[in-house]
Amino acid sequence: MAVNTHTCLTIECDVCGQGYEPDDYTIHFRDLAEARDIASPSGWTVTADRQVICPLGDTDHQAAMDALMPPEPITQCTGQLDLSGQTEV
């Protein structure tokens, strides 16, 4: 019988620290891609830069998700009034 060492990873939410344990046990993944593929259908977000956010919908989790989004584009054209009635940005 051989003794082998295996490297794996587990994930937990960066906001609340909850681990990904869908059936009351910790799942070990081979790599980040596998973690993303398995946890994403359950509502978990796993980014390429190793950020993990669970699907809880409170304000802290929503703020973390919002921080992952790119800034909104400015859609006002030169000379156009914005919604507040001001001209040009």
PDB file of N, CA and C in Angstrom:
ATOM      1  N   MET A   1       0.848  -1.169   0.000  1.00  0.00           N
ATOM      2  CA  MET A   1       0.000   0.000   0.000  1.00  0.00           C
ATOM      3  C   MET A   1       0.897   1.236   0.000  1.00  0.00           C
ATOM      4  N   ALA A   2       0.652   2.118  -0.935  1.00  0.00           N
ATOM      5  CA  ALA A   2       1.434   3.347  -1.036  1.00  0.00           C
ATOM      6  C   ALA A   2       0.763   4.462  -0.246  1.00  0.00           C
ATOM      7  N   VAL A   3       1.572   5.369   0.231  1.00  0.00           N
ATOM      8  CA  VAL A   3       1.062   6.570   0.890  1.00  0.00           C
ATOM      9  C   VAL A   3       1.297   7.721  -0.072  1.00  0.00           C
ATOM     10  N   ASN A   4       0.224   8.379  -0.484  1.00  0.00           N
ATOM     11  CA  ASN A   4       0.309   9.464  -1.447  1.00  0.00           C
ATOM     12  C   ASN A   4      -0.137  10.765  -0.815  1.00  0.00           C
ATOM     13  N   THR A   5       0.515  11.828  -1.212  1.00  0.00           N
ATOM     14  CA  THR A   5       0.118  13.159  -0.780  1.00  0.00           C
ATOM     15  C   THR A   5      -0.646  13.820  -1.908  1.00  0.00           C
ATOM     16  N   HIS A   6      -1.816  14.368  -1.584  1.00  0.00           N
ATOM     17  CA  HIS A   6      -2.642  15.047  -2.570  1.00  0.00           C
ATOM     18  C   HIS A   6      -2.855  16.485  -2.118  1.00  0.00           C
ATOM     19  N   THR A   7      -2.755  17.399  -3.057  1.00  0.00           N
ATOM     20  CA  THR A   7      -3.029  18.801  -2.762  1.00  0.00           C
ATOM     21  C   THR A   7      -4.412  19.126  -3.303  1.00  0.00           C
ATOM     22  N   CYS A   8      -5.224  19.740  -2.476  1.00  0.00           N
ATOM     23  CA  CYS A   8      -6.567  20.108  -2.899  1.00  0.00           C
ATOM     24  C   CYS A   8      -6.906  21.461  -2.284  1.00  0.00           C
ATOM     25  N   LEU A   9      -8.078  21.972  -2.635  1.00  0.00           N
ATOM     26  CA  LEU A   9      -8.488  23.220  -2.019  1.00  0.00           C
ATOM     27  C   LEU A   9      -9.942  23.138  -1.614  1.00  0.00           C
ATOM     28  N   THR A  10     -10.281  23.923  -0.613  1.00  0.00           N
ATOM     29  CA  THR A  10     -11.655  24.099  -0.182  1.00  0.00           C
ATOM     30  C   THR A  10     -11.967  25.572  -0.346  1.00  0.00           C
ATOM     31  N   ILE A  11     -13.242  25.920  -0.372  1.00  0.00           N
ATOM     32  CA  ILE A  11     -13.588  27.340  -0.506  1.00  0.00           C
ATOM     33  C   ILE A  11     -14.480  27.765   0.647  1.00  0.00           C
ATOM     34  N   GLU A  12     -14.316  29.022   1.027  1.00  0.00           N
ATOM     35  CA  GLU A  12     -15.206  29.633   2.005  1.00  0.00           C
ATOM     36  C   GLU A  12     -15.408  31.087   1.616  1.00  0.00           C
ATOM     37  N   CYS A  13     -16.535  31.610   1.998  1.00  0.00           N
ATOM     38  CA  CYS A  13     -16.937  32.958   1.617  1.00  0.00           C
ATOM     39  C   CYS A  13     -15.983  33.996   2.210  1.00  0.00           C
ATOM     40  N   ASP A  14     -15.540  34.931   1.367  1.00  0.00           N
ATOM     41  CA  ASP A  14     -14.668  36.005   1.837  1.00  0.00           C
ATOM     42  C   ASP A  14     -15.412  37.005   2.716  1.00  0.00           C
ATOM     43  N   VAL A  15     -16.732  37.030   2.643  1.00  0.00           N
ATOM     44  CA  VAL A  15     -17.522  37.989   3.416  1.00  0.00           C
ATOM     45  C   VAL A  15     -17.840  37.445   4.803  1.00  0.00           C
ATOM     46  N   CYS A  16     -18.391  36.231   4.876  1.00  0.00           N
ATOM     47  CA  CYS A  16     -18.857  35.716   6.164  1.00  0.00           C
ATOM     48  C   CYS A  16     -18.068  34.511   6.684  1.00  0.00           C
ATOM     49  N   GLY A  17     -17.206  33.934   5.853  1.00  0.00           N
ATOM     50  CA  GLY A  17     -16.391  32.804   6.291  1.00  0.00           C
ATOM     51  C   GLY A  17     -17.075  31.457   6.217  1.00  0.00           C
ATOM     52  N   GLN A  18     -18.313  31.414   5.728  1.00  0.00           N
ATOM     53  CA  GLN A  18     -19.023  30.139   5.590  1.00  0.00           C
ATOM     54  C   GLN A  18     -18.347  29.278   4.542  1.00  0.00           C
ATOM     55  N   GLY A  19     -18.107  28.016   4.867  1.00  0.00           N
ATOM     56  CA  GLY A  19     -17.499  27.092   3.926  1.00  0.00           C
ATOM     57  C   GLY A  19     -18.537  26.497   2.987  1.00  0.00           C
ATOM     58  N   TYR A  20     -18.086  26.061   1.826  1.00  0.00           N
ATOM     59  CA  TYR A  20     -18.976  25.391   0.881  1.00  0.00           C
ATOM     60  C   TYR A  20     -19.160  23.966   1.344  1.00  0.00           C
ATOM     61  N   GLU A  21     -20.287  23.693   1.971  1.00  0.00           N
ATOM     62  CA  GLU A  21     -20.592  22.389   2.545  1.00  0.00           C
ATOM     63  C   GLU A  21     -22.052  22.049   2.243  1.00  0.00           C
ATOM     64  N   PRO A  22     -22.365  21.700   0.995  1.00  0.00           N
ATOM     65  CA  PRO A  22     -23.771  21.509   0.632  1.00  0.00           C
ATOM     66  C   PRO A  22     -24.464  20.343   1.331  1.00  0.00           C
ATOM     67  N   ASP A  23     -23.753  19.316   1.700  1.00  0.00           N
ATOM     68  CA  ASP A  23     -24.349  18.155   2.364  1.00  0.00           C
ATOM     69  C   ASP A  23     -23.721  17.921   3.735  1.00  0.00           C
ATOM     70  N   ASP A  24     -23.419  19.012   4.423  1.00  0.00           N
ATOM     71  CA  ASP A  24     -22.830  18.961   5.770  1.00  0.00           C
ATOM     72  C   ASP A  24     -21.456  18.302   5.822  1.00  0.00           C
ATOM     73  N   TYR A  25     -20.729  18.368   4.723  1.00  0.00           N
ATOM     74  CA  TYR A  25     -19.327  17.961   4.744  1.00  0.00           C
ATOM     75  C   TYR A  25     -18.560  18.873   3.793  1.00  0.00           C
ATOM     76  N   THR A  26     -17.304  19.066   4.056  1.00  0.00           N
ATOM     77  CA  THR A  26     -16.481  19.949   3.246  1.00  0.00           C
ATOM     78  C   THR A  26     -16.042  19.244   1.975  1.00  0.00           C
ATOM     79  N   ILE A  27     -16.312  19.876   0.846  1.00  0.00           N
ATOM     80  CA  ILE A  27     -15.908  19.318  -0.439  1.00  0.00           C
ATOM     81  C   ILE A  27     -14.503  19.812  -0.767  1.00  0.00           C
ATOM     82  N   HIS A  28     -13.656  18.905  -1.219  1.00  0.00           N
ATOM     83  CA  HIS A  28     -12.295  19.233  -1.617  1.00  0.00           C
ATOM     84  C   HIS A  28     -12.216  19.208  -3.143  1.00  0.00           C
ATOM     85  N   PHE A  29     -11.660  20.273  -3.709  1.00  0.00           N
ATOM     86  CA  PHE A  29     -11.575  20.421  -5.159  1.00  0.00           C
ATOM     87  C   PHE A  29     -10.140  20.232  -5.632  1.00  0.00           C
ATOM     88  N   ARG A  30     -10.003  19.774  -6.891  1.00  0.00           N
ATOM     89  CA  ARG A  30      -8.668  19.622  -7.474  1.00  0.00           C
ATOM     90  C   ARG A  30      -8.035  20.971  -7.775  1.00  0.00           C
ATOM     91  N   ASP A  31      -8.860  21.905  -8.284  1.00  0.00           N
ATOM     92  CA  ASP A  31      -8.337  23.220  -8.675  1.00  0.00           C
ATOM     93  C   ASP A  31      -9.470  24.239  -8.638  1.00  0.00           C
ATOM     94  N   LEU A  32      -9.124  25.488  -8.923  1.00  0.00           N
ATOM     95  CA  LEU A  32     -10.092  26.576  -8.852  1.00  0.00           C
ATOM     96  C   LEU A  32     -11.195  26.413  -9.896  1.00  0.00           C
ATOM     97  N   ALA A  33     -10.853  25.919 -11.074  1.00  0.00           N
ATOM     98  CA  ALA A  33     -11.859  25.723 -12.120  1.00  0.00           C
ATOM     99  C   ALA A  33     -12.911  24.709 -11.670  1.00  0.00           C
ATOM    100  N   GLU A  34     -12.499  23.641 -11.041  1.00  0.00           N
ATOM    101  CA  GLU A  34     -13.452  22.646 -10.555  1.00  0.00           C
ATOM    102  C   GLU A  34     -14.330  23.239  -9.451  1.00  0.00           C
ATOM    103  N   ALA A  35     -13.739  24.026  -8.561  1.00  0.00           N
ATOM    104  CA  ALA A  35     -14.517  24.677  -7.503  1.00  0.00           C
ATOM    105  C   ALA A  35     -15.586  25.583  -8.103  1.00  0.00           C
ATOM    106  N   ARG A  36     -15.210  26.355  -9.113  1.00  0.00           N
ATOM    107  CA  ARG A  36     -16.160  27.259  -9.765  1.00  0.00           C
ATOM    108  C   ARG A  36     -17.268  26.465 -10.454  1.00  0.00           C
ATOM    109  N   ASP A  37     -16.913  25.397 -11.161  1.00  0.00           N
ATOM    110  CA  ASP A  37     -17.897  24.596 -11.881  1.00  0.00           C
ATOM    111  C   ASP A  37     -18.905  23.934 -10.943  1.00  0.00           C
ATOM    112  N   ILE A  38     -18.451  23.480  -9.798  1.00  0.00           N
ATOM    113  CA  ILE A  38     -19.335  22.772  -8.875  1.00  0.00           C
ATOM    114  C   ILE A  38     -20.127  23.733  -7.989  1.00  0.00           C
ATOM    115  N   ALA A  39     -19.518  24.806  -7.516  1.00  0.00           N
ATOM    116  CA  ALA A  39     -20.190  25.712  -6.581  1.00  0.00           C
ATOM    117  C   ALA A  39     -21.092  26.741  -7.267  1.00  0.00           C
ATOM    118  N   SER A  40     -20.797  27.109  -8.497  1.00  0.00           N
ATOM    119  CA  SER A  40     -21.581  28.145  -9.182  1.00  0.00           C
ATOM    120  C   SER A  40     -23.062  27.806  -9.316  1.00  0.00           C
ATOM    121  N   PRO A  41     -23.450  26.581  -9.668  1.00  0.00           N
ATOM    122  CA  PRO A  41     -24.885  26.287  -9.758  1.00  0.00           C
ATOM    123  C   PRO A  41     -25.637  26.467  -8.433  1.00  0.00           C
ATOM    124  N   SER A  42     -24.919  26.456  -7.323  1.00  0.00           N
ATOM    125  CA  SER A  42     -25.533  26.671  -6.009  1.00  0.00           C
ATOM    126  C   SER A  42     -25.584  28.145  -5.633  1.00  0.00           C
ATOM    127  N   GLY A  43     -25.171  29.019  -6.550  1.00  0.00           N
ATOM    128  CA  GLY A  43     -25.226  30.450  -6.287  1.00  0.00           C
ATOM    129  C   GLY A  43     -23.931  31.058  -5.781  1.00  0.00           C
ATOM    130  N   TRP A  44     -22.889  30.262  -5.630  1.00  0.00           N
ATOM    131  CA  TRP A  44     -21.606  30.771  -5.175  1.00  0.00           C
ATOM    132  C   TRP A  44     -20.879  31.435  -6.338  1.00  0.00           C
ATOM    133  N   THR A  45     -20.119  32.477  -6.022  1.00  0.00           N
ATOM    134  CA  THR A  45     -19.291  33.154  -7.011  1.00  0.00           C
ATOM    135  C   THR A  45     -17.835  32.881  -6.662  1.00  0.00           C
ATOM    136  N   VAL A  46     -17.095  32.332  -7.622  1.00  0.00           N
ATOM    137  CA  VAL A  46     -15.667  32.066  -7.449  1.00  0.00           C
ATOM    138  C   VAL A  46     -14.967  32.731  -8.629  1.00  0.00           C
ATOM    139  N   THR A  47     -14.136  33.729  -8.342  1.00  0.00           N
ATOM    140  CA  THR A  47     -13.484  34.475  -9.415  1.00  0.00           C
ATOM    141  C   THR A  47     -12.102  33.911  -9.721  1.00  0.00           C
ATOM    142  N   ALA A  48     -11.570  34.336 -10.842  1.00  0.00           N
ATOM    143  CA  ALA A  48     -10.242  33.880 -11.264  1.00  0.00           C
ATOM    144  C   ALA A  48      -9.148  34.320 -10.299  1.00  0.00           C
ATOM    145  N   ASP A  49      -9.380  35.439  -9.595  1.00  0.00           N
ATOM    146  CA  ASP A  49      -8.370  35.902  -8.634  1.00  0.00           C
ATOM    147  C   ASP A  49      -8.667  35.414  -7.211  1.00  0.00           C
ATOM    148  N   ARG A  50      -9.422  34.292  -7.138  1.00  0.00           N
ATOM    149  CA  ARG A  50      -9.646  33.551  -5.901  1.00  0.00           C
ATOM    150  C   ARG A  50     -10.550  34.250  -4.899  1.00  0.00           C
ATOM    151  N   GLN A  51     -11.415  35.131  -5.348  1.00  0.00           N
ATOM    152  CA  GLN A  51     -12.418  35.701  -4.458  1.00  0.00           C
ATOM    153  C   GLN A  51     -13.624  34.770  -4.460  1.00  0.00           C
ATOM    154  N   VAL A  52     -14.187  34.550  -3.286  1.00  0.00           N
ATOM    155  CA  VAL A  52     -15.318  33.636  -3.147  1.00  0.00           C
ATOM    156  C   VAL A  52     -16.418  34.340  -2.364  1.00  0.00           C
ATOM    157  N   ILE A  53     -17.641  34.319  -2.914  1.00  0.00           N
ATOM    158  CA  ILE A  53     -18.776  34.937  -2.240  1.00  0.00           C
ATOM    159  C   ILE A  53     -19.940  33.948  -2.272  1.00  0.00           C
ATOM    160  N   CYS A  54     -20.489  33.664  -1.100  1.00  0.00           N
ATOM    161  CA  CYS A  54     -21.616  32.734  -1.004  1.00  0.00           C
ATOM    162  C   CYS A  54     -22.911  33.448  -1.394  1.00  0.00           C
ATOM    163  N   PRO A  55     -23.996  32.710  -1.561  1.00  0.00           N
ATOM    164  CA  PRO A  55     -25.225  33.313  -2.077  1.00  0.00           C
ATOM    165  C   PRO A  55     -26.103  34.035  -1.062  1.00  0.00           C
ATOM    166  N   LEU A  56     -25.635  34.280   0.157  1.00  0.00           N
ATOM    167  CA  LEU A  56     -26.459  35.034   1.100  1.00  0.00           C
ATOM    168  C   LEU A  56     -26.757  36.408   0.511  1.00  0.00           C
ATOM    169  N   GLY A  57     -27.944  36.908   0.716  1.00  0.00           N
ATOM    170  CA  GLY A  57     -28.359  38.146   0.061  1.00  0.00           C
ATOM    171  C   GLY A  57     -28.346  39.377   0.943  1.00  0.00           C
ATOM    172  N   ASP A  58     -27.585  39.380   2.026  1.00  0.00           N
ATOM    173  CA  ASP A  58     -27.578  40.566   2.882  1.00  0.00           C
ATOM    174  C   ASP A  58     -26.764  41.696   2.253  1.00  0.00           C
ATOM    175  N   THR A  59     -26.733  42.840   2.912  1.00  0.00           N
ATOM    176  CA  THR A  59     -26.075  44.019   2.335  1.00  0.00           C
ATOM    177  C   THR A  59     -24.568  43.842   2.196  1.00  0.00           C
ATOM    178  N   ASP A  60     -23.934  43.124   3.111  1.00  0.00           N
ATOM    179  CA  ASP A  60     -22.487  42.909   3.014  1.00  0.00           C
ATOM    180  C   ASP A  60     -22.135  42.064   1.786  1.00  0.00           C
ATOM    181  N   HIS A  61     -22.911  41.021   1.554  1.00  0.00           N
ATOM    182  CA  HIS A  61     -22.662  40.165   0.390  1.00  0.00           C
ATOM    183  C   HIS A  61     -22.973  40.904  -0.906  1.00  0.00           C
ATOM    184  N   GLN A  62     -24.053  41.701  -0.892  1.00  0.00           N
ATOM    185  CA  GLN A  62     -24.392  42.462  -2.091  1.00  0.00           C
ATOM    186  C   GLN A  62     -23.316  43.494  -2.395  1.00  0.00           C
ATOM    187  N   ALA A  63     -22.763  44.129  -1.364  1.00  0.00           N
ATOM    188  CA  ALA A  63     -21.688  45.102  -1.571  1.00  0.00           C
ATOM    189  C   ALA A  63     -20.452  44.422  -2.156  1.00  0.00           C
ATOM    190  N   ALA A  64     -20.152  43.217  -1.697  1.00  0.00           N
ATOM    191  CA  ALA A  64     -19.006  42.482  -2.239  1.00  0.00           C
ATOM    192  C   ALA A  64     -19.235  42.129  -3.705  1.00  0.00           C
ATOM    193  N   MET A  65     -20.455  41.733  -4.046  1.00  0.00           N
ATOM    194  CA  MET A  65     -20.770  41.432  -5.451  1.00  0.00           C
ATOM    195  C   MET A  65     -20.706  42.697  -6.306  1.00  0.00           C
ATOM    196  N   ASP A  66     -21.214  43.804  -5.774  1.00  0.00           N
ATOM    197  CA  ASP A  66     -21.170  45.067  -6.513  1.00  0.00           C
ATOM    198  C   ASP A  66     -19.730  45.504  -6.781  1.00  0.00           C
ATOM    199  N   ALA A  67     -18.842  45.240  -5.825  1.00  0.00           N
ATOM    200  CA  ALA A  67     -17.442  45.617  -5.986  1.00  0.00           C
ATOM    201  C   ALA A  67     -16.766  44.832  -7.116  1.00  0.00           C
ATOM    202  N   LEU A  68     -17.305  43.669  -7.449  1.00  0.00           N
ATOM    203  CA  LEU A  68     -16.742  42.871  -8.539  1.00  0.00           C
ATOM    204  C   LEU A  68     -17.141  43.401  -9.915  1.00  0.00           C
ATOM    205  N   MET A  69     -18.189  44.207  -9.952  1.00  0.00           N
ATOM    206  CA  MET A  69     -18.703  44.703 -11.226  1.00  0.00           C
ATOM    207  C   MET A  69     -17.867  45.884 -11.726  1.00  0.00           C
ATOM    208  N   PRO A  70     -17.733  46.025 -13.045  1.00  0.00           N
ATOM    209  CA  PRO A  70     -17.012  47.188 -13.580  1.00  0.00           C
ATOM    210  C   PRO A  70     -17.834  48.453 -13.362  1.00  0.00           C
ATOM    211  N   PRO A  71     -17.183  49.621 -13.407  1.00  0.00           N
ATOM    212  CA  PRO A  71     -17.939  50.863 -13.219  1.00  0.00           C
ATOM    213  C   PRO A  71     -18.939  51.066 -14.356  1.00  0.00           C
ATOM    214  N   GLU A  72     -20.042  51.732 -14.036  1.00  0.00           N
ATOM    215  CA  GLU A  72     -21.037  52.004 -15.066  1.00  0.00           C
ATOM    216  C   GLU A  72     -20.452  52.986 -16.080  1.00  0.00           C
ATOM    217  N   PRO A  73     -20.734  52.757 -17.350  1.00  0.00           N
ATOM    218  CA  PRO A  73     -20.213  53.679 -18.372  1.00  0.00           C
ATOM    219  C   PRO A  73     -20.980  55.001 -18.344  1.00  0.00           C
ATOM    220  N   ILE A  74     -20.294  56.061 -18.731  1.00  0.00           N
ATOM    221  CA  ILE A  74     -20.953  57.357 -18.863  1.00  0.00           C
ATOM    222  C   ILE A  74     -21.613  57.383 -20.230  1.00  0.00           C
ATOM    223  N   THR A  75     -22.910  57.558 -20.234  1.00  0.00           N
ATOM    224  CA  THR A  75     -23.644  57.488 -21.494  1.00  0.00           C
ATOM    225  C   THR A  75     -24.107  58.849 -21.985  1.00  0.00           C
ATOM    226  N   GLN A  76     -23.650  59.903 -21.358  1.00  0.00           N
ATOM    227  CA  GLN A  76     -24.070  61.237 -21.762  1.00  0.00           C
ATOM    228  C   GLN A  76     -23.148  61.762 -22.858  1.00  0.00           C
ATOM    229  N   CYS A  77     -23.741  62.238 -23.936  1.00  0.00           N
ATOM    230  CA  CYS A  77     -22.972  62.803 -25.038  1.00  0.00           C
ATOM    231  C   CYS A  77     -22.759  64.294 -24.804  1.00  0.00           C
ATOM    232  N   THR A  78     -21.738  64.846 -25.415  1.00  0.00           N
ATOM    233  CA  THR A  78     -21.444  66.268 -25.291  1.00  0.00           C
ATOM    234  C   THR A  78     -22.665  67.083 -25.694  1.00  0.00           C
ATOM    235  N   GLY A  79     -23.064  68.017 -24.828  1.00  0.00           N
ATOM    236  CA  GLY A  79     -24.202  68.880 -25.091  1.00  0.00           C
ATOM    237  C   GLY A  79     -25.535  68.305 -24.663  1.00  0.00           C
ATOM    238  N   GLN A  80     -25.567  67.052 -24.268  1.00  0.00           N
ATOM    239  CA  GLN A  80     -26.804  66.393 -23.860  1.00  0.00           C
ATOM    240  C   GLN A  80     -27.094  66.710 -22.394  1.00  0.00           C
ATOM    241  N   LEU A  81     -28.358  66.877 -22.040  1.00  0.00           N
ATOM    242  CA  LEU A  81     -28.735  67.091 -20.649  1.00  0.00           C
ATOM    243  C   LEU A  81     -28.748  65.749 -19.923  1.00  0.00           C
ATOM    244  N   ASP A  82     -28.218  65.737 -18.680  1.00  0.00           N
ATOM    245  CA  ASP A  82     -28.338  64.508 -17.899  1.00  0.00           C
ATOM    246  C   ASP A  82     -29.668  64.536 -17.164  1.00  0.00           C
ATOM    247  N   LEU A  83     -29.946  63.542 -16.372  1.00  0.00           N
ATOM    248  CA  LEU A  83     -31.237  63.438 -15.716  1.00  0.00           C
ATOM    249  C   LEU A  83     -31.491  64.561 -14.720  1.00  0.00           C
ATOM    250  N   SER A  84     -30.453  65.195 -14.207  1.00  0.00           N
ATOM    251  CA  SER A  84     -30.644  66.283 -13.258  1.00  0.00           C
ATOM    252  C   SER A  84     -30.822  67.617 -13.972  1.00  0.00           C
ATOM    253  N   GLY A  85     -30.734  67.629 -15.306  1.00  0.00           N
ATOM    254  CA  GLY A  85     -30.916  68.873 -16.064  1.00  0.00           C
ATOM    255  C   GLY A  85     -29.629  69.607 -16.325  1.00  0.00           C
ATOM    256  N   GLN A  86     -28.507  69.057 -15.898  1.00  0.00           N
ATOM    257  CA  GLN A  86     -27.212  69.691 -16.124  1.00  0.00           C
ATOM    258  C   GLN A  86     -26.707  69.334 -17.526  1.00  0.00           C
ATOM    259  N   THR A  87     -26.025  70.267 -18.157  1.00  0.00           N
ATOM    260  CA  THR A  87     -25.450  69.970 -19.471  1.00  0.00           C
ATOM    261  C   THR A  87     -24.035  69.460 -19.320  1.00  0.00           C
ATOM    262  N   GLU A  88     -23.653  68.583 -20.175  1.00  0.00           N
ATOM    263  CA  GLU A  88     -22.305  68.031 -20.297  1.00  0.00           C
ATOM    264  C   GLU A  88     -21.754  67.532 -18.966  1.00  0.00           C
ATOM    265  N   VAL A  89     -21.030  66.477 -19.067  1.00  0.00           N
ATOM    266  CA  VAL A  89     -20.404  65.865 -17.886  1.00  0.00           C
ATOM    267  C   VAL A  89     -19.004  66.386 -17.728  1.00  0.00           C
TER     268      VAL A  89
END
